């Protein structure tokens, strides 16, 4: 039983990434639904998936510490799962917006940074264990991105159904996340360059 329990935190982490793909698909189904009831149903399901997935970001780490199951694999998977979760939703929002360039540009910056840092992290441990540990800037960027992904759901639930009234204000927040993403990539790039 103990052998199975030590894998539970990593399974929860992987489920967070998969939940991002499912939630983004549900969000796209909501946007494409012809009937309002279907749109609401899919949108609500997407929001619930996001909320549950966000909770697992705390749960997997807590369980890993509680079960004494903190592993290098878990440390690697955790930020990847966060990136898949938030990235999937951001891409869905871009598609729903009709690929609005004001939204697509910052999302592209966030995704490029996340792919680049993940690549460095995957290649890095063989050469320099710990050199690509998650920084406080990266944690702040992830928290901000998670809040921005959740905000449209919160606004709609709060009764602000006219997306046009708040869309570009929200996009401004996504640009802020993109700037923080670019800034938070610097420690990883510096670590990579110092290893050349």
C-alpha atoms as a PDB file:
ATOM      1  CA  UNK A   1       0.000   0.000   0.000  1.00  0.00           C
ATOM      2  CA  UNK A   2       2.832   2.391   0.881  1.00  0.00           C
ATOM      3  CA  UNK A   3       4.385   1.781  -2.554  1.00  0.00           C
ATOM      4  CA  UNK A   4       1.136   2.894  -4.192  1.00  0.00           C
ATOM      5  CA  UNK A   5       0.691   5.914  -1.927  1.00  0.00           C
ATOM      6  CA  UNK A   6       4.077   7.417  -2.754  1.00  0.00           C
ATOM      7  CA  UNK A   7       2.983   7.686  -6.406  1.00  0.00           C
ATOM      8  CA  UNK A   8      -0.259   9.490  -5.516  1.00  0.00           C
ATOM      9  CA  UNK A   9       1.203  13.048  -5.526  1.00  0.00           C
ATOM     10  CA  UNK A  10       2.659  12.569  -9.017  1.00  0.00           C
ATOM     11  CA  UNK A  11      -0.610  11.081 -10.284  1.00  0.00           C
ATOM     12  CA  UNK A  12      -2.449  14.141  -8.972  1.00  0.00           C
ATOM     13  CA  UNK A  13       0.123  16.389 -10.668  1.00  0.00           C
ATOM     14  CA  UNK A  14      -0.333  14.625 -14.015  1.00  0.00           C
ATOM     15  CA  UNK A  15      -4.112  14.852 -13.595  1.00  0.00           C
ATOM     16  CA  UNK A  16      -3.758  18.656 -13.321  1.00  0.00           C
ATOM     17  CA  UNK A  17      -2.171  18.847 -16.762  1.00  0.00           C
ATOM     18  CA  UNK A  18      -4.808  16.547 -18.238  1.00  0.00           C
ATOM     19  CA  UNK A  19      -7.533  18.613 -16.553  1.00  0.00           C
ATOM     20  CA  UNK A  20      -6.196  21.671 -18.375  1.00  0.00           C
ATOM     21  CA  UNK A  21      -6.727  19.968 -21.723  1.00  0.00           C
ATOM     22  CA  UNK A  22     -10.220  18.801 -20.724  1.00  0.00           C
ATOM     23  CA  UNK A  23     -11.206  22.196 -19.309  1.00  0.00           C
ATOM     24  CA  UNK A  24      -9.999  24.033 -22.401  1.00  0.00           C
ATOM     25  CA  UNK A  25     -11.980  21.644 -24.625  1.00  0.00           C
ATOM     26  CA  UNK A  26     -15.092  22.240 -22.518  1.00  0.00           C
ATOM     27  CA  UNK A  27     -14.552  25.998 -22.796  1.00  0.00           C
ATOM     28  CA  UNK A  28     -14.343  25.746 -26.590  1.00  0.00           C
ATOM     29  CA  UNK A  29     -17.519  23.634 -26.620  1.00  0.00           C
ATOM     30  CA  UNK A  30     -19.228  26.350 -24.574  1.00  0.00           C
ATOM     31  CA  UNK A  31     -18.231  29.034 -27.070  1.00  0.00           C
ATOM     32  CA  UNK A  32     -19.415  26.927 -30.025  1.00  0.00           C
ATOM     33  CA  UNK A  33     -22.721  25.791 -28.491  1.00  0.00           C
ATOM     34  CA  UNK A  34     -25.860  26.865 -30.368  1.00  0.00           C
ATOM     35  CA  UNK A  35     -28.152  26.564 -27.363  1.00  0.00           C
ATOM     36  CA  UNK A  36     -27.647  28.819 -24.355  1.00  0.00           C
ATOM     37  CA  UNK A  37     -28.295  25.940 -21.956  1.00  0.00           C
ATOM     38  CA  UNK A  38     -25.484  23.934 -23.574  1.00  0.00           C
ATOM     39  CA  UNK A  39     -23.134  26.930 -23.499  1.00  0.00           C
ATOM     40  CA  UNK A  40     -23.833  27.459 -19.798  1.00  0.00           C
ATOM     41  CA  UNK A  41     -23.430  23.746 -19.052  1.00  0.00           C
ATOM     42  CA  UNK A  42     -20.079  23.486 -20.849  1.00  0.00           C
ATOM     43  CA  UNK A  43     -18.865  26.794 -19.413  1.00  0.00           C
ATOM     44  CA  UNK A  44     -19.792  25.750 -15.882  1.00  0.00           C
ATOM     45  CA  UNK A  45     -18.090  22.390 -16.339  1.00  0.00           C
ATOM     46  CA  UNK A  46     -14.958  24.132 -17.632  1.00  0.00           C
ATOM     47  CA  UNK A  47     -14.919  26.453 -14.622  1.00  0.00           C
ATOM     48  CA  UNK A  48     -15.356  23.549 -12.199  1.00  0.00           C
ATOM     49  CA  UNK A  49     -12.513  21.628 -13.863  1.00  0.00           C
ATOM     50  CA  UNK A  50     -10.291  24.707 -13.544  1.00  0.00           C
ATOM     51  CA  UNK A  51     -11.157  25.187  -9.852  1.00  0.00           C
ATOM     52  CA  UNK A  52     -10.512  21.523  -9.011  1.00  0.00           C
ATOM     53  CA  UNK A  53      -7.273  21.477 -11.007  1.00  0.00           C
ATOM     54  CA  UNK A  54      -6.063  24.634  -9.252  1.00  0.00           C
ATOM     55  CA  UNK A  55      -6.684  22.960  -5.889  1.00  0.00           C
ATOM     56  CA  UNK A  56      -4.462  20.050  -6.896  1.00  0.00           C
ATOM     57  CA  UNK A  57      -1.567  22.504  -7.209  1.00  0.00           C
ATOM     58  CA  UNK A  58      -1.620  22.731  -3.417  1.00  0.00           C
ATOM     59  CA  UNK A  59      -2.748  19.154  -2.770  1.00  0.00           C
ATOM     60  CA  UNK A  60       0.029  17.321  -4.619  1.00  0.00           C
ATOM     61  CA  UNK A  61       2.783  19.200  -2.799  1.00  0.00           C
ATOM     62  CA  UNK A  62       1.089  18.787   0.580  1.00  0.00           C
ATOM     63  CA  UNK A  63       0.637  15.051   0.012  1.00  0.00           C
ATOM     64  CA  UNK A  64       4.216  14.619  -1.191  1.00  0.00           C
ATOM     65  CA  UNK A  65       5.516  16.216   2.006  1.00  0.00           C
ATOM     66  CA  UNK A  66       3.017  14.378   4.214  1.00  0.00           C
ATOM     67  CA  UNK A  67       3.832  10.971   2.681  1.00  0.00           C
ATOM     68  CA  UNK A  68       7.558  11.751   2.542  1.00  0.00           C
ATOM     69  CA  UNK A  69       7.291  11.201  -1.202  1.00  0.00           C
ATOM     70  CA  UNK A  70       9.034  14.335  -2.510  1.00  0.00           C
ATOM     71  CA  UNK A  71      10.920  13.230  -5.631  1.00  0.00           C
ATOM     72  CA  UNK A  72      12.926  14.843  -8.435  1.00  0.00           C
ATOM     73  CA  UNK A  73      10.264  13.571 -10.848  1.00  0.00           C
ATOM     74  CA  UNK A  74       7.538  15.342  -8.869  1.00  0.00           C
ATOM     75  CA  UNK A  75       9.592  18.547  -8.807  1.00  0.00           C
ATOM     76  CA  UNK A  76       9.908  18.311 -12.595  1.00  0.00           C
ATOM     77  CA  UNK A  77       6.269  17.401 -13.278  1.00  0.00           C
ATOM     78  CA  UNK A  78       4.704  20.084 -11.043  1.00  0.00           C
ATOM     79  CA  UNK A  79       5.657  23.181 -13.078  1.00  0.00           C
ATOM     80  CA  UNK A  80       4.959  21.325 -16.344  1.00  0.00           C
ATOM     81  CA  UNK A  81       1.433  20.486 -15.154  1.00  0.00           C
ATOM     82  CA  UNK A  82       0.888  24.137 -14.189  1.00  0.00           C
ATOM     83  CA  UNK A  83       2.010  25.262 -17.641  1.00  0.00           C
ATOM     84  CA  UNK A  84      -0.241  22.749 -19.426  1.00  0.00           C
ATOM     85  CA  UNK A  85      -3.203  23.791 -17.269  1.00  0.00           C
ATOM     86  CA  UNK A  86      -2.867  27.542 -17.770  1.00  0.00           C
ATOM     87  CA  UNK A  87      -1.553  27.300 -21.332  1.00  0.00           C
ATOM     88  CA  UNK A  88      -4.495  25.174 -22.466  1.00  0.00           C
ATOM     89  CA  UNK A  89      -7.006  27.674 -21.139  1.00  0.00           C
ATOM     90  CA  UNK A  90      -5.112  30.646 -22.571  1.00  0.00           C
ATOM     91  CA  UNK A  91      -5.042  29.026 -26.017  1.00  0.00           C
ATOM     92  CA  UNK A  92      -8.781  28.358 -25.724  1.00  0.00           C
ATOM     93  CA  UNK A  93      -9.384  32.035 -24.873  1.00  0.00           C
ATOM     94  CA  UNK A  94      -7.312  33.079 -27.907  1.00  0.00           C
ATOM     95  CA  UNK A  95      -9.344  30.804 -30.188  1.00  0.00           C
ATOM     96  CA  UNK A  96     -12.628  32.045 -28.713  1.00  0.00           C
ATOM     97  CA  UNK A  97     -11.506  35.652 -29.295  1.00  0.00           C
ATOM     98  CA  UNK A  98     -11.041  34.879 -33.004  1.00  0.00           C
ATOM     99  CA  UNK A  99      -7.268  35.039 -32.521  1.00  0.00           C
ATOM    100  CA  UNK A 100      -7.403  38.669 -31.434  1.00  0.00           C
ATOM    101  CA  UNK A 101      -3.783  39.849 -31.857  1.00  0.00           C
ATOM    102  CA  UNK A 102      -3.910  41.851 -28.612  1.00  0.00           C
ATOM    103  CA  UNK A 103      -4.517  38.571 -26.758  1.00  0.00           C
ATOM    104  CA  UNK A 104      -2.618  36.198 -29.051  1.00  0.00           C
ATOM    105  CA  UNK A 105       0.678  38.129 -28.699  1.00  0.00           C
ATOM    106  CA  UNK A 106       1.014  37.949 -24.891  1.00  0.00           C
ATOM    107  CA  UNK A 107      -0.211  34.361 -24.859  1.00  0.00           C
ATOM    108  CA  UNK A 108       2.475  33.504 -27.444  1.00  0.00           C
ATOM    109  CA  UNK A 109       5.095  35.122 -25.177  1.00  0.00           C
ATOM    110  CA  UNK A 110       3.880  33.128 -22.174  1.00  0.00           C
ATOM    111  CA  UNK A 111       3.835  29.853 -24.124  1.00  0.00           C
ATOM    112  CA  UNK A 112       7.258  30.462 -25.698  1.00  0.00           C
ATOM    113  CA  UNK A 113       8.754  31.184 -22.275  1.00  0.00           C
ATOM    114  CA  UNK A 114       7.122  28.099 -20.750  1.00  0.00           C
ATOM    115  CA  UNK A 115       8.286  25.811 -23.562  1.00  0.00           C
ATOM    116  CA  UNK A 116      11.799  27.264 -23.460  1.00  0.00           C
ATOM    117  CA  UNK A 117      12.177  26.985 -19.679  1.00  0.00           C
ATOM    118  CA  UNK A 118      10.736  23.475 -19.691  1.00  0.00           C
ATOM    119  CA  UNK A 119      13.263  22.506 -22.369  1.00  0.00           C
ATOM    120  CA  UNK A 120      16.107  23.930 -20.273  1.00  0.00           C
ATOM    121  CA  UNK A 121      14.792  22.164 -17.196  1.00  0.00           C
ATOM    122  CA  UNK A 122      14.549  18.827 -19.030  1.00  0.00           C
ATOM    123  CA  UNK A 123      18.055  19.162 -20.444  1.00  0.00           C
ATOM    124  CA  UNK A 124      19.581  20.783 -17.363  1.00  0.00           C
ATOM    125  CA  UNK A 125      19.520  18.228 -14.543  1.00  0.00           C
ATOM    126  CA  UNK A 126      22.002  15.932 -16.289  1.00  0.00           C
ATOM    127  CA  UNK A 127      24.534  18.752 -16.412  1.00  0.00           C
ATOM    128  CA  UNK A 128      23.713  20.750 -13.310  1.00  0.00           C
ATOM    129  CA  UNK A 129      21.308  19.299 -10.734  1.00  0.00           C
ATOM    130  CA  UNK A 130      19.264  22.071  -9.117  1.00  0.00           C
ATOM    131  CA  UNK A 131      20.372  24.760 -11.574  1.00  0.00           C
ATOM    132  CA  UNK A 132      16.852  25.043 -12.970  1.00  0.00           C
ATOM    133  CA  UNK A 133      14.856  24.964  -9.749  1.00  0.00           C
ATOM    134  CA  UNK A 134      11.606  26.951  -9.773  1.00  0.00           C
ATOM    135  CA  UNK A 135      12.327  30.588  -8.858  1.00  0.00           C
ATOM    136  CA  UNK A 136      10.131  32.915  -6.804  1.00  0.00           C
ATOM    137  CA  UNK A 137       9.566  35.004  -9.954  1.00  0.00           C
ATOM    138  CA  UNK A 138       8.338  31.904 -11.785  1.00  0.00           C
ATOM    139  CA  UNK A 139       5.995  31.068  -8.900  1.00  0.00           C
ATOM    140  CA  UNK A 140       4.589  34.626  -8.998  1.00  0.00           C
ATOM    141  CA  UNK A 141       4.139  34.352 -12.770  1.00  0.00           C
ATOM    142  CA  UNK A 142       2.277  31.036 -12.364  1.00  0.00           C
ATOM    143  CA  UNK A 143       0.031  32.452  -9.634  1.00  0.00           C
ATOM    144  CA  UNK A 144      -0.795  35.546 -11.716  1.00  0.00           C
ATOM    145  CA  UNK A 145      -1.492  33.443 -14.810  1.00  0.00           C
ATOM    146  CA  UNK A 146      -3.743  31.090 -12.815  1.00  0.00           C
ATOM    147  CA  UNK A 147      -5.703  34.091 -11.474  1.00  0.00           C
ATOM    148  CA  UNK A 148      -6.030  35.569 -14.964  1.00  0.00           C
ATOM    149  CA  UNK A 149      -7.294  32.269 -16.366  1.00  0.00           C
ATOM    150  CA  UNK A 150      -9.910  32.091 -13.588  1.00  0.00           C
ATOM    151  CA  UNK A 151     -10.972  35.766 -13.834  1.00  0.00           C
ATOM    152  CA  UNK A 152     -13.287  35.479 -16.889  1.00  0.00           C
ATOM    153  CA  UNK A 153     -15.223  32.715 -15.108  1.00  0.00           C
ATOM    154  CA  UNK A 154     -15.508  34.856 -11.967  1.00  0.00           C
ATOM    155  CA  UNK A 155     -16.657  37.902 -13.944  1.00  0.00           C
ATOM    156  CA  UNK A 156     -19.341  35.960 -15.826  1.00  0.00           C
ATOM    157  CA  UNK A 157     -20.594  34.315 -12.615  1.00  0.00           C
ATOM    158  CA  UNK A 158     -20.681  37.805 -11.024  1.00  0.00           C
ATOM    159  CA  UNK A 159     -23.118  38.855 -13.776  1.00  0.00           C
ATOM    160  CA  UNK A 160     -20.748  40.675 -16.134  1.00  0.00           C
ATOM    161  CA  UNK A 161     -21.916  38.795 -19.224  1.00  0.00           C
ATOM    162  CA  UNK A 162     -21.022  41.616 -21.615  1.00  0.00           C
ATOM    163  CA  UNK A 163     -17.463  40.449 -22.324  1.00  0.00           C
ATOM    164  CA  UNK A 164     -16.770  43.529 -24.432  1.00  0.00           C
ATOM    165  CA  UNK A 165     -16.923  45.720 -21.311  1.00  0.00           C
ATOM    166  CA  UNK A 166     -13.992  44.042 -19.587  1.00  0.00           C
ATOM    167  CA  UNK A 167     -12.162  42.041 -22.273  1.00  0.00           C
ATOM    168  CA  UNK A 168      -9.344  44.501 -23.004  1.00  0.00           C
ATOM    169  CA  UNK A 169      -8.824  45.282 -19.323  1.00  0.00           C
ATOM    170  CA  UNK A 170      -8.352  41.537 -18.800  1.00  0.00           C
ATOM    171  CA  UNK A 171      -6.034  41.420 -21.832  1.00  0.00           C
ATOM    172  CA  UNK A 172      -3.935  44.097 -20.101  1.00  0.00           C
ATOM    173  CA  UNK A 173      -3.520  41.661 -17.222  1.00  0.00           C
ATOM    174  CA  UNK A 174      -2.415  38.970 -19.665  1.00  0.00           C
ATOM    175  CA  UNK A 175       0.211  41.409 -21.017  1.00  0.00           C
ATOM    176  CA  UNK A 176       1.416  41.913 -17.439  1.00  0.00           C
ATOM    177  CA  UNK A 177       1.722  38.132 -17.064  1.00  0.00           C
ATOM    178  CA  UNK A 178       3.632  38.008 -20.364  1.00  0.00           C
ATOM    179  CA  UNK A 179       6.080  40.658 -19.125  1.00  0.00           C
ATOM    180  CA  UNK A 180       6.550  38.739 -15.868  1.00  0.00           C
ATOM    181  CA  UNK A 181       6.987  35.541 -17.895  1.00  0.00           C
ATOM    182  CA  UNK A 182       9.763  37.086 -19.964  1.00  0.00           C
ATOM    183  CA  UNK A 183      11.416  38.507 -16.835  1.00  0.00           C
ATOM    184  CA  UNK A 184      11.172  35.198 -14.950  1.00  0.00           C
ATOM    185  CA  UNK A 185      12.906  33.383 -17.826  1.00  0.00           C
ATOM    186  CA  UNK A 186      16.142  35.298 -17.227  1.00  0.00           C
ATOM    187  CA  UNK A 187      17.465  33.198 -14.289  1.00  0.00           C
ATOM    188  CA  UNK A 188      17.026  30.034 -16.361  1.00  0.00           C
ATOM    189  CA  UNK A 189      18.742  31.569 -19.396  1.00  0.00           C
ATOM    190  CA  UNK A 190      21.571  32.836 -17.196  1.00  0.00           C
ATOM    191  CA  UNK A 191      22.005  29.346 -15.694  1.00  0.00           C
ATOM    192  CA  UNK A 192      22.036  27.836 -19.200  1.00  0.00           C
ATOM    193  CA  UNK A 193      24.578  30.351 -20.494  1.00  0.00           C
ATOM    194  CA  UNK A 194      26.860  29.848 -17.492  1.00  0.00           C
ATOM    195  CA  UNK A 195      26.941  26.119 -18.265  1.00  0.00           C
ATOM    196  CA  UNK A 196      28.048  26.605 -21.879  1.00  0.00           C
END
